[in-house]
């Protein structure tokens, strides 16, 4: 048997023998730093006030695929794609609401109910993006730095407006 193999086996078996891999230790420190930064940023994550019709709640934003989902532990959730609110669940609704379409025809589906509305193009009127639809207006309000501060969208007469605004 080779002396190197015997030495390696003895080294691993004996508790007093250690070895160091600087690259692995460096990577581990880097990964720990990332998780600590993620925990700190989660604590600093802004709270949002959400309302759907007459029901309101406090929600936090989460990134899921290409959406920002504003949600809480009570089952209230609003999915936003950057322009349009795409779905609403909770908030006292009898069934989840899904929205499809951007400009032109937009469909609102909740349970067995389907409502179709016509929507125009988004128009920039600093600091607000506005869109007019048959059932009401939508707007996205930005601050001086270009961050979204408020999102509102009409869901029609039955549901009313969905509004999201930064709380802190």
Protein backbone atom coordinates (compact mmCIF):
# COMPACT_ATOMS: atom_id res chain seq x y z
CA UNK A 1 0.00 0.00 0.00
CA UNK A 2 1.17 3.47 -0.77
CA UNK A 3 2.46 5.54 2.19
CA UNK A 4 0.46 8.58 1.01
CA UNK A 5 -2.82 6.63 1.18
CA UNK A 6 -1.99 5.30 4.66
CA UNK A 7 -1.06 8.80 5.83
CA UNK A 8 -4.29 10.27 4.46
CA UNK A 9 -6.42 7.56 6.12
CA UNK A 10 -4.64 8.05 9.46
CA UNK A 11 -5.05 11.80 9.17
CA UNK A 12 -8.81 11.50 8.59
CA UNK A 13 -9.27 8.94 11.39
CA UNK A 14 -7.30 10.81 14.02
CA UNK A 15 -9.27 13.69 15.53
CA UNK A 16 -6.22 15.91 15.96
CA UNK A 17 -5.61 16.11 12.22
CA UNK A 18 -7.34 18.94 10.32
CA UNK A 19 -7.08 20.38 6.87
CA UNK A 20 -8.03 23.74 5.39
CA UNK A 21 -9.45 24.74 2.04
CA UNK A 22 -9.17 28.54 1.84
CA UNK A 23 -11.42 28.81 -1.25
CA UNK A 24 -14.24 26.88 0.44
CA UNK A 25 -13.92 28.91 3.65
CA UNK A 26 -14.01 32.13 1.65
CA UNK A 27 -17.11 30.97 -0.24
CA UNK A 28 -18.79 30.00 3.02
CA UNK A 29 -18.09 33.44 4.55
CA UNK A 30 -19.46 35.09 1.37
CA UNK A 31 -22.67 32.97 1.49
CA UNK A 32 -23.20 33.75 5.19
CA UNK A 33 -22.81 37.45 4.39
CA UNK A 34 -25.48 37.18 1.70
CA UNK A 35 -27.99 35.53 4.01
CA UNK A 36 -27.34 38.15 6.69
CA UNK A 37 -27.86 40.91 4.10
CA UNK A 38 -31.09 39.21 2.92
CA UNK A 39 -32.38 39.05 6.50
CA UNK A 40 -31.50 42.71 7.06
CA UNK A 41 -33.16 43.80 3.79
CA UNK A 42 -36.29 41.79 4.66
CA UNK A 43 -36.54 43.71 7.92
CA UNK A 44 -36.20 46.99 5.98
CA UNK A 45 -38.76 45.90 3.35
CA UNK A 46 -41.48 48.55 3.11
CA UNK A 47 -45.01 47.83 4.21
CA UNK A 48 -47.84 48.67 1.82
CA UNK A 49 -51.46 49.52 2.53
CA UNK A 50 -53.81 47.64 0.24
CA UNK A 51 -57.53 48.09 -0.30
CA UNK A 52 -59.97 46.25 -2.51
CA UNK A 53 -63.35 47.91 -2.51
CA UNK A 54 -64.18 48.50 1.16
CA UNK A 55 -61.69 45.93 2.55
CA UNK A 56 -58.15 46.89 3.50
CA UNK A 57 -55.02 45.30 4.92
CA UNK A 58 -51.28 45.71 5.38
CA UNK A 59 -49.17 43.70 2.91
CA UNK A 60 -45.52 43.14 2.04
CA UNK A 61 -44.10 42.92 -1.51
CA UNK A 62 -42.48 39.68 -2.69
CA UNK A 63 -40.94 38.96 -6.10
CA UNK A 64 -42.37 35.83 -7.71
CA UNK A 65 -41.33 35.10 -11.32
CA UNK A 66 -42.15 38.29 -13.29
CA UNK A 67 -44.59 39.62 -10.69
CA UNK A 68 -44.55 41.58 -7.48
CA UNK A 69 -47.00 39.89 -5.14
CA UNK A 70 -48.28 42.01 -2.27
CA UNK A 71 -49.43 39.57 0.40
CA UNK A 72 -50.02 38.96 4.08
CA UNK A 73 -50.53 35.95 6.33
CA UNK A 74 -54.33 36.43 6.29
CA UNK A 75 -54.58 35.17 2.69
CA UNK A 76 -54.88 38.59 1.04
CA UNK A 77 -52.73 38.86 -2.10
CA UNK A 78 -52.43 41.13 -5.13
CA UNK A 79 -50.18 40.24 -8.11
CA UNK A 80 -48.77 43.16 -10.12
CA UNK A 81 -46.77 42.82 -13.36
CA UNK A 82 -45.30 46.32 -13.40
CA UNK A 83 -48.26 47.83 -15.30
CA UNK A 84 -51.42 45.91 -14.45
CA UNK A 85 -52.78 44.23 -11.36
CA UNK A 86 -53.15 40.64 -12.61
CA UNK A 87 -54.92 38.92 -9.73
CA UNK A 88 -56.56 39.55 -6.38
CA UNK A 89 -57.38 36.98 -3.71
CA UNK A 90 -58.77 37.42 -0.21
CA UNK A 91 -59.99 40.89 0.79
CA UNK A 92 -63.47 39.44 1.35
CA UNK A 93 -63.91 38.49 -2.31
CA UNK A 94 -66.13 35.44 -2.90
CA UNK A 95 -63.72 34.08 -5.53
CA UNK A 96 -60.21 35.02 -6.73
CA UNK A 97 -60.15 37.64 -9.47
CA UNK A 98 -57.82 37.36 -12.47
CA UNK A 99 -57.20 40.09 -15.03
CA UNK A 100 -55.80 39.66 -18.55
CA UNK A 101 -55.01 42.14 -21.32
CA UNK A 102 -53.04 45.38 -21.23
CA UNK A 103 -54.24 47.81 -23.89
CA UNK A 104 -57.39 47.27 -25.90
CA UNK A 105 -59.54 44.50 -24.46
CA UNK A 106 -59.12 43.60 -20.79
CA UNK A 107 -60.93 40.68 -19.14
CA UNK A 108 -61.85 40.37 -15.46
CA UNK A 109 -62.68 36.80 -14.40
CA UNK A 110 -64.03 35.86 -10.97
CA UNK A 111 -65.66 32.48 -10.52
CA UNK A 112 -68.29 32.19 -13.26
CA UNK A 113 -68.35 35.96 -13.91
CA UNK A 114 -66.46 37.48 -16.85
CA UNK A 115 -66.41 41.23 -17.52
CA UNK A 116 -64.69 42.70 -20.57
CA UNK A 117 -63.61 46.35 -20.79
CA UNK A 118 -61.80 48.46 -23.36
CA UNK A 119 -58.64 50.22 -22.20
CA UNK A 120 -56.57 52.93 -23.86
CA UNK A 121 -52.82 53.39 -23.86
CA UNK A 122 -50.84 54.41 -20.80
CA UNK A 123 -50.19 58.17 -20.71
CA UNK A 124 -47.35 59.83 -18.76
CA UNK A 125 -48.33 62.95 -16.80
CA UNK A 126 -45.39 63.47 -14.47
CA UNK A 127 -45.20 61.89 -11.89
CA UNK A 128 -48.16 59.66 -12.81
CA UNK A 129 -48.80 56.99 -15.45
CA UNK A 130 -52.53 56.95 -16.28
CA UNK A 131 -54.74 54.63 -18.29
CA UNK A 132 -58.44 55.07 -19.05
CA UNK A 133 -60.73 52.06 -19.35
CA UNK A 134 -64.49 51.67 -19.79
CA UNK A 135 -64.94 50.71 -16.13
CA UNK A 136 -62.62 53.41 -14.73
CA UNK A 137 -59.06 54.66 -14.58
CA UNK A 138 -55.77 53.13 -13.50
CA UNK A 139 -52.73 55.01 -12.29
CA UNK A 140 -49.20 54.40 -11.11
CA UNK A 141 -47.69 57.24 -9.05
CA UNK A 142 -43.90 57.58 -8.83
CA UNK A 143 -41.67 59.57 -6.48
CA UNK A 144 -38.79 61.82 -7.61
CA UNK A 145 -36.44 58.80 -7.75
CA UNK A 146 -38.82 56.85 -10.01
CA UNK A 147 -40.00 54.40 -7.33
CA UNK A 148 -43.66 53.39 -7.31
CA UNK A 149 -45.51 54.96 -4.40
CA UNK A 150 -49.11 54.15 -5.32
CA UNK A 151 -50.94 51.81 -7.68
CA UNK A 152 -54.68 52.03 -8.29
CA UNK A 153 -56.90 50.23 -10.75
CA UNK A 154 -60.65 50.12 -11.23
CA UNK A 155 -62.16 46.64 -11.12
CA UNK A 156 -65.64 47.81 -12.13
CA UNK A 157 -68.82 48.66 -10.24
CA UNK A 158 -69.14 45.38 -8.28
CA UNK A 159 -65.67 45.37 -6.71
CA UNK A 160 -64.59 49.01 -6.93
CA UNK A 161 -60.93 50.03 -6.85
CA UNK A 162 -57.76 48.19 -5.90
CA UNK A 163 -55.29 50.59 -4.31
CA UNK A 164 -51.77 49.89 -3.08
CA UNK A 165 -49.65 52.58 -1.44
CA UNK A 166 -46.37 52.61 0.43
CA UNK A 167 -47.03 52.83 4.17
CA UNK A 168 -43.49 53.65 5.36
